Amino acid sequence: MRDLIRAKAQTAKPQARNLLGYAKRLFSWAVDQDCYGLEISPAAALKPSKIVGDKVSGDRILNDTELFALWRAAMRMPYPIGPIYQILTLAALRLNEVARAHWSEIDLGGKIWVIPKERMKGKNGKARAHVVPLTDETLAILKKLPRFDRGDFVFSTTLGASPVWMSSKVKARMDENMLQTLRALARRRGENPAKVTLATWTNHDIRRSVRSNLSRLKVTEETREAVMAHVRPGIKGTYDLHTYVDEKREALELWAARLRSIVEPPPANVVSLAVKTG
């Protein structure tokens, strides 16, 4: 297992770290069942810092041109991948919070999506349910999705029985589609499209990009943190249980309007979008 994680870390460190986490939880569950012949988890002593390396906080933010390319790429990619990336961009959620969504969590009529605490990130029992106000743009995407009889998962390739697996191959396809859009923009400007490159980015960078745009839109820090589902530190996080639903809805609607201005600009503005070349 150690060799498998290390091999994955050569090409995708975040996914290698996640893979180790899944293995730890799986073996821990198997030990608790007391019926698989396991007394100790073979993954218990494996530390991600020793195998994958220290976790490095990213600072990558997608600029407007890249967000334009991301949205166009998502529009070209079929269900379930395209809609997942669109909702990631609109709602600033983590990848698995979207990819593992259940229809039972979503109230289309009430325009609310409640992600249970069991699916939210948090340590030492501090994870909390996250209320996501659904903007008109997100609702429109959800209403177009297929519904299945075999299970409750929103994004699935098994008729709802299990959630879609967002592999590194999926991300590579997104990168390829984004690069095609960036090169098409360069061609329209009369530049050499072969010189256009796409800087490395991760799915989590979408979330960071939305957070930065909320700051640009003058959304308050408390609301920005609520949109990101960050638990407030210290005594405020213990006693302030306000869910900021109205504030989050207003913030996400502001962001949706700004995103619309990026992905649906007048033709002249599309041509003038700046792209790094070299």
Protein backbone atom coordinates (compact mmCIF):
# COMPACT_ATOMS: atom_id res chain seq x y z
CA MET A 1 0.00 0.00 0.00
CA ARG A 2 2.84 2.37 0.81
CA ASP A 3 4.25 1.89 -2.69
CA LEU A 4 0.84 2.50 -4.24
CA ILE A 5 0.40 5.80 -2.39
CA ARG A 6 3.93 6.90 -3.26
CA ALA A 7 3.37 6.08 -6.94
CA LYS A 8 0.19 8.17 -6.96
CA ALA A 9 2.00 11.02 -5.23
CA GLN A 10 4.42 11.26 -8.16
CA THR A 11 1.63 12.61 -10.38
CA ALA A 12 -1.07 13.86 -7.98
CA LYS A 13 -0.16 14.54 -4.36
CA PRO A 14 -3.62 15.72 -3.24
CA GLN A 15 -5.23 12.58 -4.65
CA ALA A 16 -2.54 10.40 -3.07
CA ARG A 17 -3.31 12.00 0.30
CA ASN A 18 -7.04 11.41 -0.24
CA LEU A 19 -6.41 7.81 -1.30
CA LEU A 20 -4.52 7.14 1.91
CA GLY A 21 -7.37 8.69 3.90
CA TYR A 22 -9.89 6.42 2.18
CA ALA A 23 -7.71 3.37 2.91
CA LYS A 24 -7.39 4.30 6.58
CA ARG A 25 -11.15 4.68 6.95
CA LEU A 26 -11.84 1.43 5.07
CA PHE A 27 -9.46 -0.68 7.16
CA SER A 28 -10.60 0.98 10.39
CA TRP A 29 -14.18 0.05 9.51
CA ALA A 30 -13.12 -3.52 8.67
CA VAL A 31 -11.41 -3.89 12.06
CA ASP A 32 -14.54 -2.63 13.85
CA GLN A 33 -16.72 -5.20 12.07
CA ASP A 34 -14.72 -8.03 13.69
CA CYS A 35 -15.51 -10.42 10.83
CA TYR A 36 -12.73 -9.93 8.28
CA GLY A 37 -9.83 -11.40 10.27
CA LEU A 38 -8.27 -7.99 10.86
CA GLU A 39 -7.19 -6.97 14.34
CA ILE A 40 -5.04 -4.02 13.32
CA SER A 41 -5.42 -1.73 10.32
CA PRO A 42 -2.46 -2.14 7.92
CA ALA A 43 -2.78 1.56 7.19
CA ALA A 44 -2.80 2.74 10.81
CA ALA A 45 0.92 3.53 10.96
CA LEU A 46 1.09 5.20 7.55
CA LYS A 47 1.51 8.95 7.88
CA PRO A 48 0.72 11.15 4.86
CA SER A 49 3.56 13.55 5.68
CA LYS A 50 6.08 10.69 5.48
CA ILE A 51 4.70 9.16 2.28
CA VAL A 52 3.27 12.09 0.33
CA GLY A 53 5.10 14.96 1.98
CA ASP A 54 3.92 17.95 3.98
CA LYS A 55 0.67 19.47 2.88
CA VAL A 56 1.30 22.78 1.15
CA SER A 57 -1.36 25.47 1.18
CA GLY A 58 -2.05 26.67 -2.33
CA ASP A 59 -2.31 30.24 -3.51
CA ARG A 60 -3.46 29.69 -7.09
CA ILE A 61 -6.43 31.81 -8.20
CA LEU A 62 -8.06 31.46 -11.59
CA ASN A 63 -8.23 34.79 -13.37
CA ASP A 64 -11.25 35.92 -15.38
CA THR A 65 -9.91 34.44 -18.61
CA GLU A 66 -9.37 31.07 -16.96
CA LEU A 67 -12.81 31.18 -15.36
CA PHE A 68 -14.27 31.88 -18.80
CA ALA A 69 -12.38 28.87 -20.20
CA LEU A 70 -13.41 26.70 -17.24
CA TRP A 71 -17.09 27.50 -17.71
CA ARG A 72 -16.96 26.92 -21.45
CA ALA A 73 -15.16 23.62 -20.91
CA ALA A 74 -17.76 22.53 -18.35
CA MET A 75 -20.53 23.36 -20.80
CA ARG A 76 -18.92 21.07 -23.39
CA MET A 77 -18.43 18.17 -21.00
CA PRO A 78 -21.41 15.81 -20.58
CA TYR A 79 -23.18 14.72 -17.41
CA PRO A 80 -22.05 14.15 -14.75
CA ILE A 81 -18.72 15.96 -15.11
CA GLY A 82 -19.80 19.24 -16.71
CA PRO A 83 -22.58 20.03 -14.22
CA ILE A 84 -20.28 19.20 -11.28
CA TYR A 85 -17.74 21.78 -12.41
CA GLN A 86 -20.46 24.36 -13.00
CA ILE A 87 -21.83 23.91 -9.47
CA LEU A 88 -18.31 23.98 -8.00
CA THR A 89 -17.84 27.35 -9.68
CA LEU A 90 -21.19 28.74 -8.56
CA ALA A 91 -21.32 27.46 -4.98
CA ALA A 92 -17.64 27.37 -3.83
CA LEU A 93 -18.03 23.84 -2.47
CA ARG A 94 -15.38 21.14 -2.11
CA LEU A 95 -15.22 18.55 -4.87
CA ASN A 96 -16.67 15.61 -2.93
CA GLU A 97 -19.37 17.78 -1.37
CA VAL A 98 -20.74 18.16 -4.89
CA ALA A 99 -19.76 14.84 -6.47
CA ARG A 100 -21.31 12.83 -3.60
CA ALA A 101 -24.51 14.88 -3.36
CA HIS A 102 -27.83 13.15 -2.61
CA TRP A 103 -31.19 14.28 -3.95
CA SER A 104 -32.59 13.91 -0.43
CA GLU A 105 -30.33 16.80 0.65
CA ILE A 106 -31.76 19.18 -1.94
CA ASP A 107 -35.03 21.10 -1.71
CA LEU A 108 -35.53 22.56 -5.18
CA GLY A 109 -38.77 24.28 -4.22
CA GLY A 110 -37.25 25.88 -1.13
CA LYS A 111 -34.01 26.71 -2.99
CA ILE A 112 -31.94 25.10 -0.25
CA TRP A 113 -29.34 22.34 -0.18
CA VAL A 114 -28.34 21.03 3.25
CA ILE A 115 -25.15 18.99 3.22
CA PRO A 116 -25.14 16.86 6.41
CA LYS A 117 -22.23 17.14 8.80
CA GLU A 118 -21.18 13.57 7.98
CA ARG A 119 -20.18 14.79 4.52
CA MET A 120 -18.51 17.99 5.65
CA LYS A 121 -14.86 18.53 6.46
CA GLY A 122 -14.05 18.92 10.12
CA LYS A 123 -11.78 17.54 12.84
CA ASN A 124 -12.55 16.25 16.32
CA GLY A 125 -16.30 16.23 15.76
CA LYS A 126 -16.42 19.90 14.74
CA ALA A 127 -17.95 19.31 11.31
CA ARG A 128 -21.36 20.91 10.91
CA ALA A 129 -24.15 20.65 8.38
CA HIS A 130 -23.72 23.24 5.65
CA VAL A 131 -26.73 25.12 4.28
CA VAL A 132 -26.24 26.12 0.64
CA PRO A 133 -28.76 28.64 -0.73
CA LEU A 134 -29.45 27.73 -4.36
CA THR A 135 -29.22 30.59 -6.81
CA ASP A 136 -31.31 30.60 -9.97
CA GLU A 137 -28.23 29.53 -11.94
CA THR A 138 -27.57 26.50 -9.73
CA LEU A 139 -31.24 25.57 -9.68
CA ALA A 140 -31.36 25.64 -13.47
CA ILE A 141 -28.46 23.17 -13.62
CA LEU A 142 -29.97 20.83 -11.02
CA LYS A 143 -33.38 20.80 -12.67
CA LYS A 144 -31.87 19.54 -15.92
CA LEU A 145 -30.13 16.57 -14.31
CA PRO A 146 -31.43 13.03 -14.77
CA ARG A 147 -33.18 11.21 -11.91
CA PHE A 148 -32.59 7.50 -11.34
CA ASP A 149 -34.44 4.66 -9.62
CA ARG A 150 -31.45 2.69 -8.33
CA GLY A 151 -30.18 5.23 -5.84
CA ASP A 152 -30.21 8.76 -4.46
CA PHE A 153 -26.90 10.07 -5.78
CA VAL A 154 -27.20 13.19 -7.93
CA PHE A 155 -24.05 12.60 -9.95
CA SER A 156 -23.69 8.96 -10.91
CA THR A 157 -22.67 6.64 -13.71
CA THR A 158 -24.46 3.70 -12.05
CA LEU A 159 -28.04 4.99 -12.29
CA GLY A 160 -27.80 6.62 -8.86
CA ALA A 161 -26.48 3.59 -6.99
CA SER A 162 -23.05 5.13 -6.33
CA PRO A 163 -21.46 8.55 -6.79
CA VAL A 164 -19.28 9.39 -9.76
CA TRP A 165 -15.52 8.97 -9.28
CA MET A 166 -13.70 12.21 -10.12
CA SER A 167 -10.39 10.78 -11.27
CA SER A 168 -7.25 12.52 -12.46
CA LYS A 169 -8.29 11.61 -16.01
CA VAL A 170 -11.40 13.76 -15.59
CA LYS A 171 -9.27 16.72 -14.51
CA ALA A 172 -6.95 16.15 -17.48
CA ARG A 173 -9.92 16.32 -19.84
CA MET A 174 -11.00 19.58 -18.22
CA ASP A 175 -7.49 21.01 -18.66
CA GLU A 176 -7.48 20.01 -22.32
CA ASN A 177 -10.85 21.63 -22.96
CA MET A 178 -9.82 24.80 -21.15
CA LEU A 179 -6.62 25.04 -23.17
CA GLN A 180 -8.59 24.71 -26.40
CA THR A 181 -10.72 27.69 -25.38
CA LEU A 182 -7.71 29.79 -24.38
CA ARG A 183 -6.05 29.06 -27.71
CA ALA A 184 -9.23 29.91 -29.60
CA LEU A 185 -9.28 33.29 -27.84
CA ALA A 186 -5.65 33.87 -28.82
CA ARG A 187 -6.43 32.98 -32.43
CA ARG A 188 -9.25 35.53 -32.49
CA ARG A 189 -6.81 38.18 -31.28
CA GLY A 190 -4.44 37.32 -34.09
CA GLU A 191 -1.89 35.74 -31.76
CA ASN A 192 -0.13 32.41 -32.11
CA PRO A 193 -2.32 29.88 -30.24
CA ALA A 194 0.58 27.42 -30.00
CA LYS A 195 2.26 29.73 -27.50
CA VAL A 196 -0.69 29.75 -25.11
CA THR A 197 -0.34 27.58 -22.00
CA LEU A 198 -2.51 26.83 -19.00
CA ALA A 199 -0.77 27.08 -15.66
CA THR A 200 -1.24 24.10 -13.34
CA TRP A 201 -4.33 24.36 -11.17
CA THR A 202 -6.32 22.10 -8.85
CA ASN A 203 -10.03 21.66 -8.30
CA HIS A 204 -9.66 23.35 -4.92
CA ASP A 205 -8.38 26.47 -6.68
CA ILE A 206 -11.93 27.06 -7.95
CA ARG A 207 -13.05 27.44 -4.36
CA ARG A 208 -10.20 29.82 -3.58
CA SER A 209 -11.04 31.85 -6.69
CA VAL A 210 -14.66 32.28 -5.61
CA ARG A 211 -13.52 33.30 -2.12
CA SER A 212 -11.26 35.96 -3.61
CA ASN A 213 -14.05 37.26 -5.82
CA LEU A 214 -16.36 37.53 -2.82
CA SER A 215 -13.74 39.79 -1.24
CA ARG A 216 -13.69 41.87 -4.42
CA LEU A 217 -17.47 42.16 -4.20
CA LYS A 218 -17.14 43.59 -0.67
CA VAL A 219 -18.91 40.67 0.99
CA THR A 220 -18.26 40.72 4.74
CA GLU A 221 -15.68 38.37 6.19
CA GLU A 222 -18.26 36.56 8.32
CA THR A 223 -20.39 35.86 5.25
CA ARG A 224 -17.41 34.84 3.14
CA GLU A 225 -16.39 32.33 5.78
CA ALA A 226 -19.97 31.07 6.03
CA VAL A 227 -20.13 30.53 2.27
CA MET A 228 -16.91 28.52 2.51
CA ALA A 229 -18.34 26.50 5.44
CA HIS A 230 -15.39 27.46 7.63
CA VAL A 231 -16.09 26.93 11.34
CA ARG A 232 -15.21 30.10 13.22
CA PRO A 233 -12.38 29.62 15.72
CA GLY A 234 -12.60 29.87 19.47
CA ILE A 235 -15.67 30.83 21.45
CA LYS A 236 -17.39 32.35 18.41
CA GLY A 237 -17.33 29.00 16.67
CA THR A 238 -18.73 27.33 19.78
CA TYR A 239 -21.65 29.65 20.49
CA ASP A 240 -22.42 31.45 17.21
CA LEU A 241 -24.59 28.88 15.41
CA HIS A 242 -26.20 31.37 13.04
CA THR A 243 -26.25 29.77 9.57
CA TYR A 244 -26.15 33.07 7.62
CA VAL A 245 -28.61 31.70 5.06
CA ASP A 246 -29.84 35.09 3.85
CA GLU A 247 -26.35 36.56 3.83
CA LYS A 248 -24.97 33.55 1.94
CA ARG A 249 -27.78 33.76 -0.61
CA GLU A 250 -27.06 37.43 -1.27
CA ALA A 251 -23.32 36.72 -1.58
CA LEU A 252 -23.80 33.80 -3.98
CA GLU A 253 -26.22 35.84 -6.07
CA LEU A 254 -23.64 38.63 -6.31
CA TRP A 255 -21.04 36.08 -7.36
CA ALA A 256 -23.39 34.50 -9.91
CA ALA A 257 -23.94 37.90 -11.49
CA ARG A 258 -20.21 38.55 -11.66
CA LEU A 259 -19.56 35.08 -13.08
CA ARG A 260 -22.23 35.71 -15.70
CA SER A 261 -20.44 38.90 -16.74
CA ILE A 262 -17.26 36.84 -17.16
CA VAL A 263 -18.66 33.88 -19.07
CA GLU A 264 -21.22 35.78 -21.15
CA PRO A 265 -19.45 39.06 -22.01
CA PRO A 266 -20.19 41.14 -25.12
CA PRO A 267 -18.20 39.82 -28.12
CA ALA A 268 -15.73 42.71 -28.01
CA ASN A 269 -14.84 41.93 -24.40
CA VAL A 270 -14.22 38.28 -25.17
CA VAL A 271 -11.54 39.24 -27.66
CA SER A 272 -9.87 41.60 -25.23
CA LEU A 273 -9.50 39.08 -22.39
CA ALA A 274 -5.83 38.83 -21.46
CA VAL A 275 -4.06 35.48 -21.77
CA LYS A 276 -0.49 34.80 -20.74
CA THR A 277 1.65 33.55 -23.58
CA GLY A 278 5.09 32.18 -23.63
